[in-house]
Amino acid sequence: MGHLDHAAFGWLTPVLSYLMACIGAALGLRCTMRALAVTGRSRRNWLVTAASAIGTGIWTMHFVAMLGFRVTGTDIRYDVPLTILSLVVAMVVVCAGVFAVGYSRDRNRALLLGGLTTGVGVASMHYLGMSAVRLHGDVTYDPVLVALSVLIAVAAATAALWAGLNIKSPLAVTLASLVMGAAVSSMHYTGMFAVSVRVTPSGQALPGATAMQFIFPLAVGLGSYLFLTSAFVALSPTADERAASASAQRPVPGATG
């Protein structure tokens, strides 16, 4: 069996990946709050932004953490199409869950179905991303830990959607984001601890790209997207602020210039 190191750079990748998950969760919650306060095209646009933020945060968390993944006795490469597909899966399933909650009349039912769908989708993203790993050897999984990681993903997704419906204050959003980031990170590392690798030494070149050639630039790009979108959301006025501004600019009846 090859020795697996999940933090080859020390605490750097776990902490940074947790930060990415928290930022994605916080941005997603803020956008969901904005969406529920408006209707029509504005609601759709805010929900799309929320889904892309949460999906990007989860995917970036996973692959930033994977930058610290090492197996003694073998190099590691990543299949590029499968890795990109895992990003698409993350976006699509989170979008489905967010839209289910944002538009459903029965929000309790939407919360349960959306949480289940999104959680299973997030777990699928994780294991699809793991299937993109190329190394000299055979990868096996502990089924109990795999099942536990899926349960954690469903719980985290349901909590995220519930928070989007019920949390309003900035402090509550911050606390919820920290909890959700911890849940997503727990799901990832539970899934990673389920992995065992039987290394088969070989001099053949592995197909795919190294983490630094592909994963790192993509994670930096998506992380930048999260930061820039966070700044945009923070600076854009809320529906209440726009209403207050319009009211302040409306002329007072009977006033003379």
C-alpha atoms as a PDB file:
ATOM      1  CA  MET A   1       0.000   0.000   0.000  1.00  0.00           C
ATOM      2  CA  GLY A   2       1.239   3.476  -0.826  1.00  0.00           C
ATOM      3  CA  HIS A   3       1.367   6.043   1.963  1.00  0.00           C
ATOM      4  CA  LEU A   4      -1.183   8.827   1.384  1.00  0.00           C
ATOM      5  CA  ASP A   5      -0.397  12.369   2.453  1.00  0.00           C
ATOM      6  CA  HIS A   6      -3.429  14.672   2.405  1.00  0.00           C
ATOM      7  CA  ALA A   7      -1.516  17.799   3.431  1.00  0.00           C
ATOM      8  CA  ALA A   8       1.848  17.745   1.687  1.00  0.00           C
ATOM      9  CA  PHE A   9       2.163  21.527   2.190  1.00  0.00           C
ATOM     10  CA  GLY A  10       1.205  21.402   5.858  1.00  0.00           C
ATOM     11  CA  TRP A  11      -1.827  23.439   6.924  1.00  0.00           C
ATOM     12  CA  LEU A  12      -1.721  25.646   3.805  1.00  0.00           C
ATOM     13  CA  THR A  13      -4.041  23.648   1.546  1.00  0.00           C
ATOM     14  CA  PRO A  14      -6.591  22.612   4.242  1.00  0.00           C
ATOM     15  CA  VAL A  15      -6.914  26.192   5.508  1.00  0.00           C
ATOM     16  CA  LEU A  16      -7.026  27.743   2.040  1.00  0.00           C
ATOM     17  CA  SER A  17      -9.558  25.195   0.799  1.00  0.00           C
ATOM     18  CA  TYR A  18     -11.749  25.840   3.861  1.00  0.00           C
ATOM     19  CA  LEU A  19     -11.549  29.567   3.153  1.00  0.00           C
ATOM     20  CA  MET A  20     -12.715  28.993  -0.437  1.00  0.00           C
ATOM     21  CA  ALA A  21     -15.676  26.938   0.788  1.00  0.00           C
ATOM     22  CA  CYS A  22     -16.639  29.654   3.295  1.00  0.00           C
ATOM     23  CA  ILE A  23     -16.423  32.443   0.712  1.00  0.00           C
ATOM     24  CA  GLY A  24     -18.539  30.484  -1.767  1.00  0.00           C
ATOM     25  CA  ALA A  25     -21.130  29.737   0.933  1.00  0.00           C
ATOM     26  CA  ALA A  26     -21.271  33.336   2.150  1.00  0.00           C
ATOM     27  CA  LEU A  27     -21.630  34.704  -1.370  1.00  0.00           C
ATOM     28  CA  GLY A  28     -24.259  32.110  -2.226  1.00  0.00           C
ATOM     29  CA  LEU A  29     -26.301  32.972   0.869  1.00  0.00           C
ATOM     30  CA  ARG A  30     -26.132  36.695   0.178  1.00  0.00           C
ATOM     31  CA  CYS A  31     -27.240  36.179  -3.420  1.00  0.00           C
ATOM     32  CA  THR A  32     -30.073  33.877  -2.348  1.00  0.00           C
ATOM     33  CA  MET A  33     -31.271  36.535   0.095  1.00  0.00           C
ATOM     34  CA  ARG A  34     -31.234  39.082  -2.728  1.00  0.00           C
ATOM     35  CA  ALA A  35     -33.113  36.675  -4.999  1.00  0.00           C
ATOM     36  CA  LEU A  36     -35.930  36.068  -2.506  1.00  0.00           C
ATOM     37  CA  ALA A  37     -36.461  39.822  -2.142  1.00  0.00           C
ATOM     38  CA  VAL A  38     -37.154  40.369  -5.871  1.00  0.00           C
ATOM     39  CA  THR A  39     -39.131  38.774  -8.694  1.00  0.00           C
ATOM     40  CA  GLY A  40     -38.861  38.031 -12.407  1.00  0.00           C
ATOM     41  CA  ARG A  41     -35.537  38.252 -14.216  1.00  0.00           C
ATOM     42  CA  SER A  42     -33.761  39.742 -11.199  1.00  0.00           C
ATOM     43  CA  ARG A  43     -34.617  36.700  -9.083  1.00  0.00           C
ATOM     44  CA  ARG A  44     -33.340  34.353 -11.782  1.00  0.00           C
ATOM     45  CA  ASN A  45     -30.077  36.287 -12.139  1.00  0.00           C
ATOM     46  CA  TRP A  46     -29.437  36.331  -8.397  1.00  0.00           C
ATOM     47  CA  LEU A  47     -30.163  32.598  -8.131  1.00  0.00           C
ATOM     48  CA  VAL A  48     -27.762  31.840 -10.988  1.00  0.00           C
ATOM     49  CA  THR A  49     -25.099  33.911  -9.242  1.00  0.00           C
ATOM     50  CA  ALA A  50     -25.798  32.109  -5.953  1.00  0.00           C
ATOM     51  CA  ALA A  51     -25.524  28.691  -7.593  1.00  0.00           C
ATOM     52  CA  SER A  52     -22.314  29.564  -9.419  1.00  0.00           C
ATOM     53  CA  ALA A  53     -20.786  30.923  -6.203  1.00  0.00           C
ATOM     54  CA  ILE A  54     -21.653  27.874  -4.089  1.00  0.00           C
ATOM     55  CA  GLY A  55     -20.685  25.435  -6.860  1.00  0.00           C
ATOM     56  CA  THR A  56     -17.414  27.237  -7.515  1.00  0.00           C
ATOM     57  CA  GLY A  57     -16.635  27.383  -3.797  1.00  0.00           C
ATOM     58  CA  ILE A  58     -17.222  23.648  -3.347  1.00  0.00           C
ATOM     59  CA  TRP A  59     -15.214  22.669  -6.427  1.00  0.00           C
ATOM     60  CA  THR A  60     -12.358  25.036  -5.586  1.00  0.00           C
ATOM     61  CA  MET A  61     -12.297  23.728  -2.020  1.00  0.00           C
ATOM     62  CA  HIS A  62     -11.956  20.162  -3.331  1.00  0.00           C
ATOM     63  CA  PHE A  63      -9.140  20.801  -5.762  1.00  0.00           C
ATOM     64  CA  VAL A  64      -7.208  23.266  -3.600  1.00  0.00           C
ATOM     65  CA  ALA A  65      -7.190  20.487  -0.995  1.00  0.00           C
ATOM     66  CA  MET A  66      -6.061  18.060  -3.719  1.00  0.00           C
ATOM     67  CA  LEU A  67      -2.973  20.218  -4.323  1.00  0.00           C
ATOM     68  CA  GLY A  68      -1.691  18.768  -1.054  1.00  0.00           C
ATOM     69  CA  PHE A  69      -2.488  15.151  -1.986  1.00  0.00           C
ATOM     70  CA  ARG A  70       0.537  12.900  -2.452  1.00  0.00           C
ATOM     71  CA  VAL A  71       1.070   9.137  -2.709  1.00  0.00           C
ATOM     72  CA  THR A  72       4.522   7.723  -2.011  1.00  0.00           C
ATOM     73  CA  GLY A  73       5.972   5.696  -4.868  1.00  0.00           C
ATOM     74  CA  THR A  74       4.028   7.308  -7.708  1.00  0.00           C
ATOM     75  CA  ASP A  75       3.455  10.593  -9.466  1.00  0.00           C
ATOM     76  CA  ILE A  76      -0.071  11.969  -9.798  1.00  0.00           C
ATOM     77  CA  ARG A  77      -1.720  13.408 -12.887  1.00  0.00           C
ATOM     78  CA  TYR A  78      -5.267  14.633 -13.614  1.00  0.00           C
ATOM     79  CA  ASP A  79      -7.499  13.837 -16.567  1.00  0.00           C
ATOM     80  CA  VAL A  80      -8.440  17.304 -17.835  1.00  0.00           C
ATOM     81  CA  PRO A  81     -11.898  16.562 -19.396  1.00  0.00           C
ATOM     82  CA  LEU A  82     -13.065  14.623 -16.311  1.00  0.00           C
ATOM     83  CA  THR A  83     -11.859  17.382 -14.000  1.00  0.00           C
ATOM     84  CA  ILE A  84     -13.754  20.015 -15.985  1.00  0.00           C
ATOM     85  CA  LEU A  85     -16.818  17.750 -16.038  1.00  0.00           C
ATOM     86  CA  SER A  86     -16.707  17.608 -12.230  1.00  0.00           C
ATOM     87  CA  LEU A  87     -16.875  21.429 -12.189  1.00  0.00           C
ATOM     88  CA  VAL A  88     -19.902  21.374 -14.520  1.00  0.00           C
ATOM     89  CA  VAL A  89     -21.610  18.781 -12.305  1.00  0.00           C
ATOM     90  CA  ALA A  90     -21.034  20.963  -9.226  1.00  0.00           C
ATOM     91  CA  MET A  91     -22.577  23.981 -10.972  1.00  0.00           C
ATOM     92  CA  VAL A  92     -25.589  22.100 -12.360  1.00  0.00           C
ATOM     93  CA  VAL A  93     -26.607  20.273  -9.182  1.00  0.00           C
ATOM     94  CA  VAL A  94     -26.235  23.346  -6.974  1.00  0.00           C
ATOM     95  CA  CYS A  95     -28.224  25.369  -9.524  1.00  0.00           C
ATOM     96  CA  ALA A  96     -31.005  22.763  -9.438  1.00  0.00           C
ATOM     97  CA  GLY A  97     -31.181  22.895  -5.651  1.00  0.00           C
ATOM     98  CA  VAL A  98     -31.091  26.691  -5.445  1.00  0.00           C
ATOM     99  CA  PHE A  99     -33.782  27.122  -8.106  1.00  0.00           C
ATOM    100  CA  ALA A 100     -35.982  24.491  -6.435  1.00  0.00           C
ATOM    101  CA  VAL A 101     -35.924  26.505  -3.227  1.00  0.00           C
ATOM    102  CA  GLY A 102     -36.135  29.878  -4.961  1.00  0.00           C
ATOM    103  CA  TYR A 103     -39.251  29.105  -7.002  1.00  0.00           C
ATOM    104  CA  SER A 104     -41.132  26.342  -5.172  1.00  0.00           C
ATOM    105  CA  ARG A 105     -44.359  27.228  -3.361  1.00  0.00           C
ATOM    106  CA  ASP A 106     -43.872  24.347  -0.909  1.00  0.00           C
ATOM    107  CA  ARG A 107     -40.462  25.319   0.429  1.00  0.00           C
ATOM    108  CA  ASN A 108     -40.226  22.509   2.986  1.00  0.00           C
ATOM    109  CA  ARG A 109     -40.622  19.903   0.255  1.00  0.00           C
ATOM    110  CA  ALA A 110     -38.248  21.819  -2.009  1.00  0.00           C
ATOM    111  CA  LEU A 111     -35.733  21.992   0.830  1.00  0.00           C
ATOM    112  CA  LEU A 112     -35.758  18.223   1.315  1.00  0.00           C
ATOM    113  CA  LEU A 113     -35.619  17.376  -2.384  1.00  0.00           C
ATOM    114  CA  GLY A 114     -33.163  20.155  -3.168  1.00  0.00           C
ATOM    115  CA  GLY A 115     -30.902  19.154  -0.277  1.00  0.00           C
ATOM    116  CA  LEU A 116     -30.920  15.503  -1.307  1.00  0.00           C
ATOM    117  CA  THR A 117     -30.309  16.261  -4.998  1.00  0.00           C
ATOM    118  CA  THR A 118     -27.622  18.834  -4.311  1.00  0.00           C
ATOM    119  CA  GLY A 119     -25.883  16.711  -1.672  1.00  0.00           C
ATOM    120  CA  VAL A 120     -25.728  13.634  -3.885  1.00  0.00           C
ATOM    121  CA  GLY A 121     -24.556  15.867  -6.724  1.00  0.00           C
ATOM    122  CA  VAL A 122     -21.778  17.374  -4.608  1.00  0.00           C
ATOM    123  CA  ALA A 123     -20.652  13.885  -3.597  1.00  0.00           C
ATOM    124  CA  SER A 124     -20.763  12.881  -7.268  1.00  0.00           C
ATOM    125  CA  MET A 125     -18.571  15.885  -8.079  1.00  0.00           C
ATOM    126  CA  HIS A 126     -16.060  14.752  -5.454  1.00  0.00           C
ATOM    127  CA  TYR A 127     -15.820  11.179  -6.677  1.00  0.00           C
ATOM    128  CA  LEU A 128     -15.873  12.221 -10.318  1.00  0.00           C
ATOM    129  CA  GLY A 129     -12.947  14.482  -9.509  1.00  0.00           C
ATOM    130  CA  MET A 130     -11.220  11.557  -7.804  1.00  0.00           C
ATOM    131  CA  SER A 131     -11.800   9.373 -10.861  1.00  0.00           C
ATOM    132  CA  ALA A 132      -9.787  11.957 -12.815  1.00  0.00           C
ATOM    133  CA  VAL A 133      -6.687  11.089 -10.733  1.00  0.00           C
ATOM    134  CA  ARG A 134      -4.075   9.125 -12.655  1.00  0.00           C
ATOM    135  CA  LEU A 135      -1.313   7.259 -10.812  1.00  0.00           C
ATOM    136  CA  HIS A 136       0.737   4.056 -10.953  1.00  0.00           C
ATOM    137  CA  GLY A 137      -1.464   1.708  -8.969  1.00  0.00           C
ATOM    138  CA  ASP A 138      -5.016   0.767  -8.045  1.00  0.00           C
ATOM    139  CA  VAL A 139      -7.372   2.979  -6.028  1.00  0.00           C
ATOM    140  CA  THR A 140      -9.968   1.416  -3.721  1.00  0.00           C
ATOM    141  CA  TYR A 141     -12.522   2.948  -1.332  1.00  0.00           C
ATOM    142  CA  ASP A 142     -13.883   2.077   2.098  1.00  0.00           C
ATOM    143  CA  PRO A 143     -17.658   1.842   1.422  1.00  0.00           C
ATOM    144  CA  VAL A 144     -18.598   2.900   4.972  1.00  0.00           C
ATOM    145  CA  LEU A 145     -16.590   6.122   4.734  1.00  0.00           C
ATOM    146  CA  VAL A 146     -17.921   6.755   1.227  1.00  0.00           C
ATOM    147  CA  ALA A 147     -21.505   6.440   2.507  1.00  0.00           C
ATOM    148  CA  LEU A 148     -20.663   8.734   5.433  1.00  0.00           C
ATOM    149  CA  SER A 149     -19.225  11.351   3.068  1.00  0.00           C
ATOM    150  CA  VAL A 150     -22.438  11.284   1.013  1.00  0.00           C
ATOM    151  CA  LEU A 151     -24.545  11.756   4.168  1.00  0.00           C
ATOM    152  CA  ILE A 152     -22.370  14.712   5.187  1.00  0.00           C
ATOM    153  CA  ALA A 153     -22.774  16.207   1.696  1.00  0.00           C
ATOM    154  CA  VAL A 154     -26.579  15.890   1.862  1.00  0.00           C
ATOM    155  CA  ALA A 155     -26.655  17.423   5.358  1.00  0.00           C
ATOM    156  CA  ALA A 156     -24.383  20.289   4.277  1.00  0.00           C
ATOM    157  CA  ALA A 157     -26.446  20.984   1.142  1.00  0.00           C
ATOM    158  CA  THR A 158     -29.730  20.935   3.071  1.00  0.00           C
ATOM    159  CA  ALA A 159     -28.282  23.274   5.699  1.00  0.00           C
ATOM    160  CA  ALA A 160     -27.061  25.635   2.976  1.00  0.00           C
ATOM    161  CA  LEU A 161     -30.471  25.798   1.318  1.00  0.00           C
ATOM    162  CA  TRP A 162     -32.228  26.215   4.680  1.00  0.00           C
ATOM    163  CA  ALA A 163     -29.877  29.054   5.559  1.00  0.00           C
ATOM    164  CA  GLY A 164     -30.622  30.731   2.248  1.00  0.00           C
ATOM    165  CA  LEU A 165     -34.319  30.716   3.111  1.00  0.00           C
ATOM    166  CA  ASN A 166     -34.148  31.712   6.753  1.00  0.00           C
ATOM    167  CA  ILE A 167     -31.020  33.727   7.505  1.00  0.00           C
ATOM    168  CA  LYS A 168     -31.130  37.487   7.071  1.00  0.00           C
ATOM    169  CA  SER A 169     -28.529  39.300   9.177  1.00  0.00           C
ATOM    170  CA  PRO A 170     -24.881  39.673   8.026  1.00  0.00           C
ATOM    171  CA  LEU A 171     -23.596  38.142  11.280  1.00  0.00           C
ATOM    172  CA  ALA A 172     -25.819  35.096  10.860  1.00  0.00           C
ATOM    173  CA  VAL A 173     -24.659  34.709   7.253  1.00  0.00           C
ATOM    174  CA  THR A 174     -21.032  34.797   8.407  1.00  0.00           C
ATOM    175  CA  LEU A 175     -21.600  32.170  11.098  1.00  0.00           C
ATOM    176  CA  ALA A 176     -23.595  29.953   8.723  1.00  0.00           C
ATOM    177  CA  SER A 177     -20.845  30.223   6.108  1.00  0.00           C
ATOM    178  CA  LEU A 178     -18.195  29.109   8.618  1.00  0.00           C
ATOM    179  CA  VAL A 179     -20.319  26.102   9.580  1.00  0.00           C
ATOM    180  CA  MET A 180     -21.076  25.221   5.958  1.00  0.00           C
ATOM    181  CA  GLY A 181     -17.410  25.538   5.014  1.00  0.00           C
ATOM    182  CA  ALA A 182     -16.542  23.127   7.819  1.00  0.00           C
ATOM    183  CA  ALA A 183     -19.219  20.703   6.611  1.00  0.00           C
ATOM    184  CA  VAL A 184     -17.979  20.760   3.013  1.00  0.00           C
ATOM    185  CA  SER A 185     -14.374  20.296   4.173  1.00  0.00           C
ATOM    186  CA  SER A 186     -15.450  17.405   6.419  1.00  0.00           C
ATOM    187  CA  MET A 187     -17.174  15.755   3.474  1.00  0.00           C
ATOM    188  CA  HIS A 188     -14.030  16.100   1.356  1.00  0.00           C
ATOM    189  CA  TYR A 189     -11.609  14.686   3.910  1.00  0.00           C
ATOM    190  CA  THR A 190     -14.001  11.902   4.902  1.00  0.00           C
ATOM    191  CA  GLY A 191     -14.058  10.894   1.250  1.00  0.00           C
ATOM    192  CA  MET A 192     -10.274  11.171   1.036  1.00  0.00           C
ATOM    193  CA  PHE A 193      -9.753   9.006   4.139  1.00  0.00           C
ATOM    194  CA  ALA A 194     -11.857   6.364   2.373  1.00  0.00           C
ATOM    195  CA  VAL A 195      -9.129   6.066  -0.272  1.00  0.00           C
ATOM    196  CA  SER A 196      -6.479   3.348  -0.323  1.00  0.00           C
ATOM    197  CA  VAL A 197      -3.856   3.010  -3.041  1.00  0.00           C
ATOM    198  CA  ARG A 198      -1.888  -0.119  -3.974  1.00  0.00           C
ATOM    199  CA  VAL A 199       1.108   1.290  -5.819  1.00  0.00           C
ATOM    200  CA  THR A 200       2.488  -0.545  -8.849  1.00  0.00           C
ATOM    201  CA  PRO A 201       5.892   0.996  -9.660  1.00  0.00           C
ATOM    202  CA  SER A 202       6.291   1.814 -13.335  1.00  0.00           C
ATOM    203  CA  GLY A 203       8.587   3.878 -15.492  1.00  0.00           C
ATOM    204  CA  GLN A 204       5.814   4.755 -17.948  1.00  0.00           C
ATOM    205  CA  ALA A 205       4.705   8.351 -18.223  1.00  0.00           C
ATOM    206  CA  LEU A 206       1.272   9.028 -16.772  1.00  0.00           C
ATOM    207  CA  PRO A 207      -1.396  10.660 -18.972  1.00  0.00           C
ATOM    208  CA  GLY A 208      -2.958  13.969 -17.977  1.00  0.00           C
ATOM    209  CA  ALA A 209      -1.692  17.179 -16.412  1.00  0.00           C
ATOM    210  CA  THR A 210       0.042  17.803 -13.102  1.00  0.00           C
ATOM    211  CA  ALA A 211      -1.774  19.689 -10.365  1.00  0.00           C
ATOM    212  CA  MET A 212       0.418  22.758 -10.870  1.00  0.00           C
ATOM    213  CA  GLN A 213      -0.053  22.717 -14.653  1.00  0.00           C
ATOM    214  CA  PHE A 214      -3.842  22.553 -14.571  1.00  0.00           C
ATOM    215  CA  ILE A 215      -5.510  22.477 -11.141  1.00  0.00           C
ATOM    216  CA  PHE A 216      -3.599  25.396  -9.642  1.00  0.00           C
ATOM    217  CA  PRO A 217      -4.257  27.930 -12.464  1.00  0.00           C
ATOM    218  CA  LEU A 218      -7.942  26.937 -12.648  1.00  0.00           C
ATOM    219  CA  ALA A 219      -8.367  27.169  -8.867  1.00  0.00           C
ATOM    220  CA  VAL A 220      -6.707  30.608  -8.858  1.00  0.00           C
ATOM    221  CA  GLY A 221      -9.052  31.772 -11.639  1.00  0.00           C
ATOM    222  CA  LEU A 222     -12.165  30.518  -9.878  1.00  0.00           C
ATOM    223  CA  GLY A 223     -10.970  31.914  -6.555  1.00  0.00           C
ATOM    224  CA  SER A 224     -10.530  35.305  -8.210  1.00  0.00           C
ATOM    225  CA  TYR A 225     -14.079  35.022  -9.561  1.00  0.00           C
ATOM    226  CA  LEU A 226     -15.354  34.460  -6.023  1.00  0.00           C
ATOM    227  CA  PHE A 227     -13.515  37.481  -4.639  1.00  0.00           C
ATOM    228  CA  LEU A 228     -14.597  39.794  -7.470  1.00  0.00           C
ATOM    229  CA  THR A 229     -18.216  38.647  -7.326  1.00  0.00           C
ATOM    230  CA  SER A 230     -18.183  39.076  -3.540  1.00  0.00           C
ATOM    231  CA  ALA A 231     -17.043  42.671  -4.009  1.00  0.00           C
ATOM    232  CA  PHE A 232     -19.793  43.294  -6.582  1.00  0.00           C
ATOM    233  CA  VAL A 233     -22.508  41.878  -4.308  1.00  0.00           C
ATOM    234  CA  ALA A 234     -21.209  43.805  -1.314  1.00  0.00           C
ATOM    235  CA  LEU A 235     -21.260  47.083  -3.242  1.00  0.00           C
ATOM    236  CA  SER A 236     -24.581  46.622  -5.062  1.00  0.00           C
ATOM    237  CA  PRO A 237     -27.604  48.060  -3.232  1.00  0.00           C
ATOM    238  CA  THR A 238     -30.291  45.782  -1.826  1.00  0.00           C
ATOM    239  CA  ALA A 239     -33.959  46.068  -2.793  1.00  0.00           C
ATOM    240  CA  ASP A 240     -34.676  47.915   0.486  1.00  0.00           C
ATOM    241  CA  GLU A 241     -31.798  50.328  -0.145  1.00  0.00           C
ATOM    242  CA  ARG A 242     -33.045  51.039  -3.685  1.00  0.00           C
ATOM    243  CA  ALA A 243     -36.576  51.623  -2.373  1.00  0.00           C
ATOM    244  CA  ALA A 244     -35.277  53.974   0.312  1.00  0.00           C
ATOM    245  CA  SER A 245     -33.209  55.873  -2.253  1.00  0.00           C
ATOM    246  CA  ALA A 246     -36.177  56.209  -4.605  1.00  0.00           C
ATOM    247  CA  SER A 247     -38.360  57.409  -1.740  1.00  0.00           C
ATOM    248  CA  ALA A 248     -35.779  60.013  -0.733  1.00  0.00           C
ATOM    249  CA  GLN A 249     -35.593  61.351  -4.302  1.00  0.00           C
ATOM    250  CA  ARG A 250     -39.374  61.486  -4.785  1.00  0.00           C
ATOM    251  CA  PRO A 251     -40.692  65.081  -4.467  1.00  0.00           C
ATOM    252  CA  VAL A 252     -42.785  65.765  -1.398  1.00  0.00           C
ATOM    253  CA  PRO A 253     -46.430  66.664  -2.309  1.00  0.00           C
ATOM    254  CA  GLY A 254     -47.095  70.344  -1.809  1.00  0.00           C
ATOM    255  CA  ALA A 255     -43.430  71.273  -1.561  1.00  0.00           C
ATOM    256  CA  THR A 256     -42.322  74.369  -3.431  1.00  0.00           C
ATOM    257  CA  GLY A 257     -38.970  75.028  -4.992  1.00  0.00           C
END
